[in-house]
C-alpha atoms as a PDB file:
ATOM      1  CA  MET A   1     -43.697  84.469 -77.315  1.00  0.00           C
ATOM      2  CA  GLU A   2     -44.243  80.869 -78.413  1.00  0.00           C
ATOM      3  CA  LEU A   3     -46.532  80.272 -75.403  1.00  0.00           C
ATOM      4  CA  LEU A   4     -48.652  83.307 -76.242  1.00  0.00           C
ATOM      5  CA  ASN A   5     -49.030  82.061 -79.804  1.00  0.00           C
ATOM      6  CA  ARG A   6     -50.437  78.775 -78.482  1.00  0.00           C
ATOM      7  CA  HIS A   7     -53.162  80.351 -76.344  1.00  0.00           C
ATOM      8  CA  VAL A   8     -56.583  78.708 -76.541  1.00  0.00           C
ATOM      9  CA  THR A   9     -59.711  79.047 -74.405  1.00  0.00           C
ATOM     10  CA  ILE A  10     -60.230  76.151 -71.993  1.00  0.00           C
ATOM     11  CA  ARG A  11     -63.777  75.246 -70.935  1.00  0.00           C
ATOM     12  CA  ASN A  12     -63.211  71.744 -69.523  1.00  0.00           C
ATOM     13  CA  PHE A  13     -61.033  71.400 -66.452  1.00  0.00           C
ATOM     14  CA  LYS A  14     -59.631  68.490 -64.481  1.00  0.00           C
ATOM     15  CA  ASN A  15     -60.952  67.885 -60.990  1.00  0.00           C
ATOM     16  CA  LYS A  16     -57.668  69.075 -59.580  1.00  0.00           C
ATOM     17  CA  PRO A  17     -57.365  71.983 -57.151  1.00  0.00           C
ATOM     18  CA  VAL A  18     -55.131  74.958 -57.748  1.00  0.00           C
ATOM     19  CA  THR A  19     -52.928  75.399 -54.690  1.00  0.00           C
ATOM     20  CA  GLN A  20     -53.110  78.623 -52.720  1.00  0.00           C
ATOM     21  CA  HIS A  21     -49.392  79.174 -53.264  1.00  0.00           C
ATOM     22  CA  LEU A  22     -49.716  78.911 -57.040  1.00  0.00           C
ATOM     23  CA  LEU A  23     -52.828  81.079 -57.090  1.00  0.00           C
ATOM     24  CA  GLU A  24     -51.149  83.837 -55.111  1.00  0.00           C
ATOM     25  CA  SER A  25     -48.050  83.539 -57.276  1.00  0.00           C
ATOM     26  CA  ILE A  26     -49.905  84.114 -60.545  1.00  0.00           C
ATOM     27  CA  ILE A  27     -51.954  86.941 -59.032  1.00  0.00           C
ATOM     28  CA  TYR A  28     -48.688  88.547 -57.909  1.00  0.00           C
ATOM     29  CA  SER A  29     -47.529  88.272 -61.526  1.00  0.00           C
ATOM     30  CA  GLY A  30     -50.714  90.124 -62.405  1.00  0.00           C
ATOM     31  CA  THR A  31     -49.736  92.995 -60.127  1.00  0.00           C
ATOM     32  CA  ARG A  32     -46.532  93.472 -62.097  1.00  0.00           C
ATOM     33  CA  ALA A  33     -48.612  94.764 -65.010  1.00  0.00           C
ATOM     34  CA  SER A  34     -48.408  98.428 -65.914  1.00  0.00           C
ATOM     35  CA  THR A  35     -50.728 100.596 -63.803  1.00  0.00           C
ATOM     36  CA  THR A  36     -51.772 104.233 -64.019  1.00  0.00           C
ATOM     37  CA  GLY A  37     -49.579 106.356 -61.772  1.00  0.00           C
ATOM     38  CA  ASN A  38     -48.662 103.205 -59.827  1.00  0.00           C
ATOM     39  CA  MET A  39     -52.063 103.524 -58.121  1.00  0.00           C
ATOM     40  CA  GLN A  40     -53.045  99.861 -58.715  1.00  0.00           C
ATOM     41  CA  LEU A  41     -56.722 100.632 -59.294  1.00  0.00           C
ATOM     42  CA  TYR A  42     -58.000  97.069 -59.152  1.00  0.00           C
ATOM     43  CA  SER A  43     -59.020  94.229 -56.867  1.00  0.00           C
ATOM     44  CA  VAL A  44     -59.335  90.505 -57.568  1.00  0.00           C
ATOM     45  CA  ILE A  45     -62.163  88.466 -56.034  1.00  0.00           C
ATOM     46  CA  VAL A  46     -61.220  84.777 -55.773  1.00  0.00           C
ATOM     47  CA  THR A  47     -64.185  82.388 -55.889  1.00  0.00           C
ATOM     48  CA  GLN A  48     -63.563  78.721 -55.088  1.00  0.00           C
ATOM     49  CA  ASP A  49     -66.561  77.867 -52.909  1.00  0.00           C
ATOM     50  CA  ALA A  50     -69.094  75.748 -54.814  1.00  0.00           C
ATOM     51  CA  LYS A  51     -72.083  77.625 -53.367  1.00  0.00           C
ATOM     52  CA  MET A  52     -70.665  80.966 -54.388  1.00  0.00           C
ATOM     53  CA  LYS A  53     -70.032  79.682 -57.904  1.00  0.00           C
ATOM     54  CA  GLN A  54     -73.656  78.550 -58.053  1.00  0.00           C
ATOM     55  CA  LYS A  55     -74.764  82.069 -57.103  1.00  0.00           C
ATOM     56  CA  LEU A  56     -72.597  83.583 -59.823  1.00  0.00           C
ATOM     57  CA  ALA A  57     -73.444  81.027 -62.531  1.00  0.00           C
ATOM     58  CA  PRO A  58     -76.812  82.554 -63.611  1.00  0.00           C
ATOM     59  CA  LEU A  59     -75.082  85.920 -63.931  1.00  0.00           C
ATOM     60  CA  HIS A  60     -72.713  84.298 -66.418  1.00  0.00           C
ATOM     61  CA  PHE A  61     -75.679  82.933 -68.395  1.00  0.00           C
ATOM     62  CA  ASN A  62     -75.218  79.510 -66.738  1.00  0.00           C
ATOM     63  CA  GLN A  63     -72.140  78.674 -68.745  1.00  0.00           C
ATOM     64  CA  PRO A  64     -70.926  75.299 -67.403  1.00  0.00           C
ATOM     65  CA  VAL A  65     -67.378  76.650 -67.123  1.00  0.00           C
ATOM     66  CA  ALA A  66     -68.525  79.133 -64.467  1.00  0.00           C
ATOM     67  CA  VAL A  67     -69.354  76.202 -62.183  1.00  0.00           C
ATOM     68  CA  ASN A  68     -66.885  73.533 -63.263  1.00  0.00           C
ATOM     69  CA  ALA A  69     -63.697  75.601 -63.162  1.00  0.00           C
ATOM     70  CA  PRO A  70     -61.816  75.192 -59.855  1.00  0.00           C
ATOM     71  CA  VAL A  71     -61.324  78.953 -59.586  1.00  0.00           C
ATOM     72  CA  LEU A  72     -63.177  82.051 -60.746  1.00  0.00           C
ATOM     73  CA  LEU A  73     -61.304  85.340 -60.626  1.00  0.00           C
ATOM     74  CA  THR A  74     -63.420  88.489 -60.875  1.00  0.00           C
ATOM     75  CA  PHE A  75     -61.298  91.492 -61.802  1.00  0.00           C
ATOM     76  CA  VAL A  76     -62.683  94.696 -60.359  1.00  0.00           C
ATOM     77  CA  ALA A  77     -61.973  98.281 -61.350  1.00  0.00           C
ATOM     78  CA  ASP A  78     -61.399  99.698 -57.873  1.00  0.00           C
ATOM     79  CA  PHE A  79     -61.094 103.357 -56.900  1.00  0.00           C
ATOM     80  CA  ASN A  80     -62.576 102.661 -53.467  1.00  0.00           C
ATOM     81  CA  ARG A  81     -59.307 101.594 -51.842  1.00  0.00           C
ATOM     82  CA  PHE A  82     -57.267 104.496 -53.261  1.00  0.00           C
ATOM     83  CA  SER A  83     -59.963 107.042 -52.388  1.00  0.00           C
ATOM     84  CA  ARG A  84     -60.111 105.789 -48.799  1.00  0.00           C
ATOM     85  CA  TRP A  85     -56.333 106.142 -48.543  1.00  0.00           C
ATOM     86  CA  CYS A  86     -56.616 109.707 -49.817  1.00  0.00           C
ATOM     87  CA  GLU A  87     -59.287 110.559 -47.236  1.00  0.00           C
ATOM     88  CA  ILE A  88     -57.336 108.979 -44.374  1.00  0.00           C
ATOM     89  CA  SER A  89     -54.297 110.949 -45.534  1.00  0.00           C
ATOM     90  CA  LYS A  90     -56.164 114.305 -45.507  1.00  0.00           C
ATOM     91  CA  ALA A  91     -56.329 114.469 -49.302  1.00  0.00           C
ATOM     92  CA  GLU A  92     -59.573 115.061 -51.200  1.00  0.00           C
ATOM     93  CA  PRO A  93     -60.158 112.369 -53.870  1.00  0.00           C
ATOM     94  CA  GLY A  94     -61.773 113.451 -57.130  1.00  0.00           C
ATOM     95  CA  TYR A  95     -62.550 110.089 -58.699  1.00  0.00           C
ATOM     96  CA  ALA A  96     -66.352 110.023 -58.888  1.00  0.00           C
ATOM     97  CA  ASN A  97     -66.325 110.343 -62.678  1.00  0.00           C
ATOM     98  CA  PHE A  98     -66.184 108.332 -65.882  1.00  0.00           C
ATOM     99  CA  LEU A  99     -62.495 108.983 -66.553  1.00  0.00           C
ATOM    100  CA  SER A 100     -61.610 107.376 -63.227  1.00  0.00           C
ATOM    101  CA  PHE A 101     -63.755 104.339 -64.003  1.00  0.00           C
ATOM    102  CA  PHE A 102     -62.121 103.986 -67.408  1.00  0.00           C
ATOM    103  CA  THR A 103     -58.652 104.322 -65.893  1.00  0.00           C
ATOM    104  CA  ALA A 104     -59.384 101.679 -63.258  1.00  0.00           C
ATOM    105  CA  ALA A 105     -60.937  99.379 -65.874  1.00  0.00           C
ATOM    106  CA  ILE A 106     -57.763  99.556 -67.963  1.00  0.00           C
ATOM    107  CA  ASP A 107     -55.691  98.767 -64.876  1.00  0.00           C
ATOM    108  CA  ALA A 108     -57.875  95.773 -64.024  1.00  0.00           C
ATOM    109  CA  LEU A 109     -57.768  94.364 -67.553  1.00  0.00           C
ATOM    110  CA  LEU A 110     -53.983  94.678 -67.736  1.00  0.00           C
ATOM    111  CA  VAL A 111     -53.746  92.706 -64.496  1.00  0.00           C
ATOM    112  CA  ALA A 112     -56.196  90.101 -65.804  1.00  0.00           C
ATOM    113  CA  GLN A 113     -54.131  89.466 -68.921  1.00  0.00           C
ATOM    114  CA  ASN A 114     -50.910  89.205 -66.901  1.00  0.00           C
ATOM    115  CA  VAL A 115     -52.609  86.678 -64.629  1.00  0.00           C
ATOM    116  CA  CYS A 116     -53.724  84.647 -67.637  1.00  0.00           C
ATOM    117  CA  VAL A 117     -50.239  84.567 -69.130  1.00  0.00           C
ATOM    118  CA  ALA A 118     -48.757  83.562 -65.770  1.00  0.00           C
ATOM    119  CA  ALA A 119     -51.404  80.867 -65.346  1.00  0.00           C
ATOM    120  CA  GLU A 120     -50.693  79.351 -68.745  1.00  0.00           C
ATOM    121  CA  ASN A 121     -46.977  79.527 -68.038  1.00  0.00           C
ATOM    122  CA  ASN A 122     -47.671  77.302 -65.012  1.00  0.00           C
ATOM    123  CA  GLY A 123     -49.673  74.697 -66.927  1.00  0.00           C
ATOM    124  CA  LEU A 124     -53.114  76.103 -66.191  1.00  0.00           C
ATOM    125  CA  GLY A 125     -55.822  76.980 -68.689  1.00  0.00           C
ATOM    126  CA  ILE A 126     -58.119  79.993 -68.710  1.00  0.00           C
ATOM    127  CA  CYS A 127     -61.444  81.165 -70.062  1.00  0.00           C
ATOM    128  CA  TYR A 128     -62.484  84.802 -70.102  1.00  0.00           C
ATOM    129  CA  LEU A 129     -66.172  85.303 -69.232  1.00  0.00           C
ATOM    130  CA  GLY A 130     -67.375  88.320 -71.159  1.00  0.00           C
ATOM    131  CA  THR A 131     -70.711  88.122 -69.358  1.00  0.00           C
ATOM    132  CA  THR A 132     -69.336  90.038 -66.372  1.00  0.00           C
ATOM    133  CA  THR A 133     -70.220  93.511 -67.626  1.00  0.00           C
ATOM    134  CA  TYR A 134     -73.691  92.403 -68.763  1.00  0.00           C
ATOM    135  CA  ASN A 135     -74.705  91.571 -65.210  1.00  0.00           C
ATOM    136  CA  ALA A 136     -72.332  93.825 -63.292  1.00  0.00           C
ATOM    137  CA  LYS A 137     -75.119  95.075 -61.026  1.00  0.00           C
ATOM    138  CA  GLU A 138     -76.009  91.576 -59.846  1.00  0.00           C
ATOM    139  CA  ILE A 139     -72.360  90.549 -59.492  1.00  0.00           C
ATOM    140  CA  ILE A 140     -71.782  93.657 -57.387  1.00  0.00           C
ATOM    141  CA  ASP A 141     -74.587  92.498 -55.074  1.00  0.00           C
ATOM    142  CA  VAL A 142     -73.305  88.911 -54.793  1.00  0.00           C
ATOM    143  CA  LEU A 143     -69.704  89.958 -54.155  1.00  0.00           C
ATOM    144  CA  GLU A 144     -70.743  92.903 -51.952  1.00  0.00           C
ATOM    145  CA  LEU A 145     -68.676  95.422 -53.883  1.00  0.00           C
ATOM    146  CA  PRO A 146     -68.698  98.976 -52.464  1.00  0.00           C
ATOM    147  CA  GLU A 147     -69.040 102.283 -54.309  1.00  0.00           C
ATOM    148  CA  LEU A 148     -66.311 103.248 -56.769  1.00  0.00           C
ATOM    149  CA  THR A 149     -65.827  99.623 -57.805  1.00  0.00           C
ATOM    150  CA  PHE A 150     -67.054  97.822 -60.917  1.00  0.00           C
ATOM    151  CA  PRO A 151     -66.432  94.238 -62.148  1.00  0.00           C
ATOM    152  CA  VAL A 152     -64.928  94.345 -65.636  1.00  0.00           C
ATOM    153  CA  THR A 153     -64.129  90.706 -66.424  1.00  0.00           C
ATOM    154  CA  THR A 154     -64.033  87.219 -64.927  1.00  0.00           C
ATOM    155  CA  VAL A 155     -61.497  84.486 -65.641  1.00  0.00           C
ATOM    156  CA  ALA A 156     -62.238  80.791 -65.100  1.00  0.00           C
ATOM    157  CA  LEU A 157     -59.033  78.984 -64.250  1.00  0.00           C
ATOM    158  CA  GLY A 158     -57.776  75.435 -63.688  1.00  0.00           C
ATOM    159  CA  TYR A 159     -55.877  72.513 -65.167  1.00  0.00           C
ATOM    160  CA  PRO A 160     -57.069  71.719 -68.717  1.00  0.00           C
ATOM    161  CA  GLU A 161     -58.957  68.474 -69.264  1.00  0.00           C
ATOM    162  CA  GLU A 162     -58.258  68.835 -72.982  1.00  0.00           C
ATOM    163  CA  VAL A 163     -56.616  71.395 -75.223  1.00  0.00           C
ATOM    164  CA  PRO A 164     -58.595  72.399 -78.331  1.00  0.00           C
ATOM    165  CA  GLU A 165     -57.173  73.507 -81.646  1.00  0.00           C
ATOM    166  CA  LEU A 166     -56.188  77.125 -82.169  1.00  0.00           C
ATOM    167  CA  THR A 167     -59.074  79.363 -83.163  1.00  0.00           C
ATOM    168  CA  ASP A 168     -58.899  81.492 -86.291  1.00  0.00           C
ATOM    169  CA  ARG A 169     -57.629  85.070 -86.367  1.00  0.00           C
ATOM    170  CA  ILE A 170     -57.721  87.577 -89.208  1.00  0.00           C
ATOM    171  CA  PRO A 171     -54.278  88.146 -90.772  1.00  0.00           C
ATOM    172  CA  VAL A 172     -52.080  90.499 -88.756  1.00  0.00           C
ATOM    173  CA  ARG A 173     -51.878  92.816 -91.762  1.00  0.00           C
ATOM    174  CA  GLY A 174     -55.563  93.507 -91.143  1.00  0.00           C
ATOM    175  CA  ILE A 175     -54.977  95.208 -87.809  1.00  0.00           C
ATOM    176  CA  ILE A 176     -51.748  97.142 -88.447  1.00  0.00           C
ATOM    177  CA  HIS A 177     -51.939 100.747 -89.620  1.00  0.00           C
ATOM    178  CA  HIS A 178     -48.726 102.636 -90.317  1.00  0.00           C
ATOM    179  CA  GLU A 179     -48.613 106.236 -89.092  1.00  0.00           C
ATOM    180  CA  LYS A 180     -52.361 106.862 -89.714  1.00  0.00           C
ATOM    181  CA  TYR A 181     -55.534 104.778 -89.788  1.00  0.00           C
ATOM    182  CA  GLN A 182     -56.122 103.509 -93.295  1.00  0.00           C
ATOM    183  CA  ASN A 183     -59.783 102.728 -93.824  1.00  0.00           C
ATOM    184  CA  TYR A 184     -60.748  99.412 -95.400  1.00  0.00           C
ATOM    185  CA  THR A 185     -61.955  98.999 -98.949  1.00  0.00           C
ATOM    186  CA  GLU A 186     -64.596  96.394 -99.703  1.00  0.00           C
ATOM    187  CA  ALA A 187     -61.961  94.226-101.372  1.00  0.00           C
ATOM    188  CA  ILE A 188     -59.696  94.325 -98.314  1.00  0.00           C
ATOM    189  CA  ILE A 189     -62.592  93.474 -95.992  1.00  0.00           C
ATOM    190  CA  LYS A 190     -63.549  90.467 -98.106  1.00  0.00           C
ATOM    191  CA  ASP A 191     -59.946  89.319 -98.190  1.00  0.00           C
ATOM    192  CA  LEU A 192     -59.481  89.643 -94.409  1.00  0.00           C
ATOM    193  CA  TYR A 193     -62.622  87.697 -93.515  1.00  0.00           C
ATOM    194  CA  SER A 194     -62.651  85.112 -96.306  1.00  0.00           C
ATOM    195  CA  PHE A 195     -60.696  82.526 -94.312  1.00  0.00           C
ATOM    196  CA  LYS A 196     -63.067  82.740 -91.345  1.00  0.00           C
ATOM    197  CA  GLU A 197     -66.140  82.629 -93.565  1.00  0.00           C
ATOM    198  CA  ASN A 198     -64.923  79.522 -95.400  1.00  0.00           C
ATOM    199  CA  LEU A 199     -64.122  77.427 -92.340  1.00  0.00           C
ATOM    200  CA  ALA A 200     -66.349  74.354 -92.214  1.00  0.00           C
ATOM    201  CA  ALA A 201     -67.381  75.134 -88.624  1.00  0.00           C
ATOM    202  CA  MET A 202     -68.376  78.674 -89.567  1.00  0.00           C
ATOM    203  CA  LYS A 203     -70.407  77.481 -92.547  1.00  0.00           C
ATOM    204  CA  GLN A 204     -72.199  75.078 -90.227  1.00  0.00           C
ATOM    205  CA  PHE A 205     -72.729  77.939 -87.791  1.00  0.00           C
ATOM    206  CA  VAL A 206     -74.452  79.942 -90.518  1.00  0.00           C
ATOM    207  CA  LYS A 207     -76.607  76.975 -91.509  1.00  0.00           C
ATOM    208  CA  GLU A 208     -77.680  76.164 -87.946  1.00  0.00           C
ATOM    209  CA  ASN A 209     -78.769  79.748 -87.379  1.00  0.00           C
ATOM    210  CA  GLU A 210     -80.596  79.864 -90.737  1.00  0.00           C
ATOM    211  CA  LYS A 211     -78.706  82.904 -91.963  1.00  0.00           C
ATOM    212  CA  ASP A 212     -77.180  83.850 -95.296  1.00  0.00           C
ATOM    213  CA  THR A 213     -73.822  85.107 -94.042  1.00  0.00           C
ATOM    214  CA  LEU A 214     -71.586  84.700 -91.006  1.00  0.00           C
ATOM    215  CA  ALA A 215     -71.855  88.420 -90.304  1.00  0.00           C
ATOM    216  CA  GLN A 216     -75.629  88.010 -89.919  1.00  0.00           C
ATOM    217  CA  VAL A 217     -75.047  85.458 -87.154  1.00  0.00           C
ATOM    218  CA  PHE A 218     -73.167  88.136 -85.229  1.00  0.00           C
ATOM    219  CA  THR A 219     -75.610  90.985 -85.894  1.00  0.00           C
ATOM    220  CA  ASP A 220     -78.893  89.043 -85.668  1.00  0.00           C
ATOM    221  CA  VAL A 221     -78.149  86.279 -83.145  1.00  0.00           C
ATOM    222  CA  ARG A 222     -75.011  86.653 -81.025  1.00  0.00           C
ATOM    223  CA  TYR A 223     -74.620  90.408 -80.504  1.00  0.00           C
ATOM    224  CA  LYS A 224     -77.930  91.998 -81.438  1.00  0.00           C
ATOM    225  CA  LYS A 225     -78.491  95.749 -81.499  1.00  0.00           C
ATOM    226  CA  SER A 226     -81.377  95.486 -79.033  1.00  0.00           C
ATOM    227  CA  ASP A 227     -79.236  93.518 -76.571  1.00  0.00           C
ATOM    228  CA  ASN A 228     -76.327  95.921 -76.955  1.00  0.00           C
ATOM    229  CA  GLU A 229     -78.581  98.902 -76.244  1.00  0.00           C
ATOM    230  CA  PHE A 230     -80.262  97.206 -73.275  1.00  0.00           C
ATOM    231  CA  PHE A 231     -77.003  96.215 -71.583  1.00  0.00           C
ATOM    232  CA  SER A 232     -75.422  99.581 -72.384  1.00  0.00           C
ATOM    233  CA  GLU A 233     -78.175 101.340 -70.454  1.00  0.00           C
ATOM    234  CA  LYS A 234     -77.836  98.828 -67.633  1.00  0.00           C
ATOM    235  CA  ILE A 235     -74.074  99.415 -67.404  1.00  0.00           C
ATOM    236  CA  ILE A 236     -74.527 103.205 -67.377  1.00  0.00           C
ATOM    237  CA  GLN A 237     -77.121 102.964 -64.610  1.00  0.00           C
ATOM    238  CA  THR A 238     -74.837 100.688 -62.576  1.00  0.00           C
ATOM    239  CA  LEU A 239     -71.945 103.118 -63.013  1.00  0.00           C
ATOM    240  CA  ARG A 240     -74.213 105.840 -61.594  1.00  0.00           C
ATOM    241  CA  GLU A 241     -75.145 103.661 -58.639  1.00  0.00           C
ATOM    242  CA  GLN A 242     -71.475 102.863 -58.021  1.00  0.00           C
ATOM    243  CA  GLY A 243     -70.595 106.547 -57.878  1.00  0.00           C
ATOM    244  CA  PHE A 244     -68.679 106.859 -61.137  1.00  0.00           C
ATOM    245  CA  LEU A 245     -71.210 109.126 -62.886  1.00  0.00           C
ATOM    246  CA  VAL A 246     -72.108 111.642 -60.193  1.00  0.00           C
END
């Protein structure tokens, strides 16, 4: 519990390799995560080759961590393997649909988080790359992923060069709802976000982006409606191409 409470994102890594034994050990810990029907609807693509990381880097918006981390782990929602087993075993798979994608995506994300906890427990640091779904189509091409697979997240992994301070979180009372969802009043919203808004770094963030509020930085700069709509359509099209929306 104490280790989880100390989690921070690491973007600078030592030039120190992660041994194959350790890598396989933490991935095994990932497989001990809960999984739908014990089907294990995921695969993990391990990228350590410098040339492969260079191919993937533009798809992660050229974040330096995508190149500098010793290991990239791409977690893939995978119904291909299970479907092939069904076919070989004279069973007819029925997984070319959105529910199956969603189920496999949950499986893959549970594994990813287990891997991250295991990595940190072994002195490694991690950085989730949320860019994976934005450019899933291109990542599919680079990693040669077959139908009924879809990359849902990537984790950069290695030994931390430095450990930053903990990032802010809204108070836990802001996410807990007892018995039923209790919608937020304006006063509660202001109370929950006041700490974040008053951090010196966040005030500087607002100033640098020439906005009036921190929320405007999110809506107008970081996660814009036009971008969200564009990538949503791209994801839906890729799901069709991968056989999940037949």
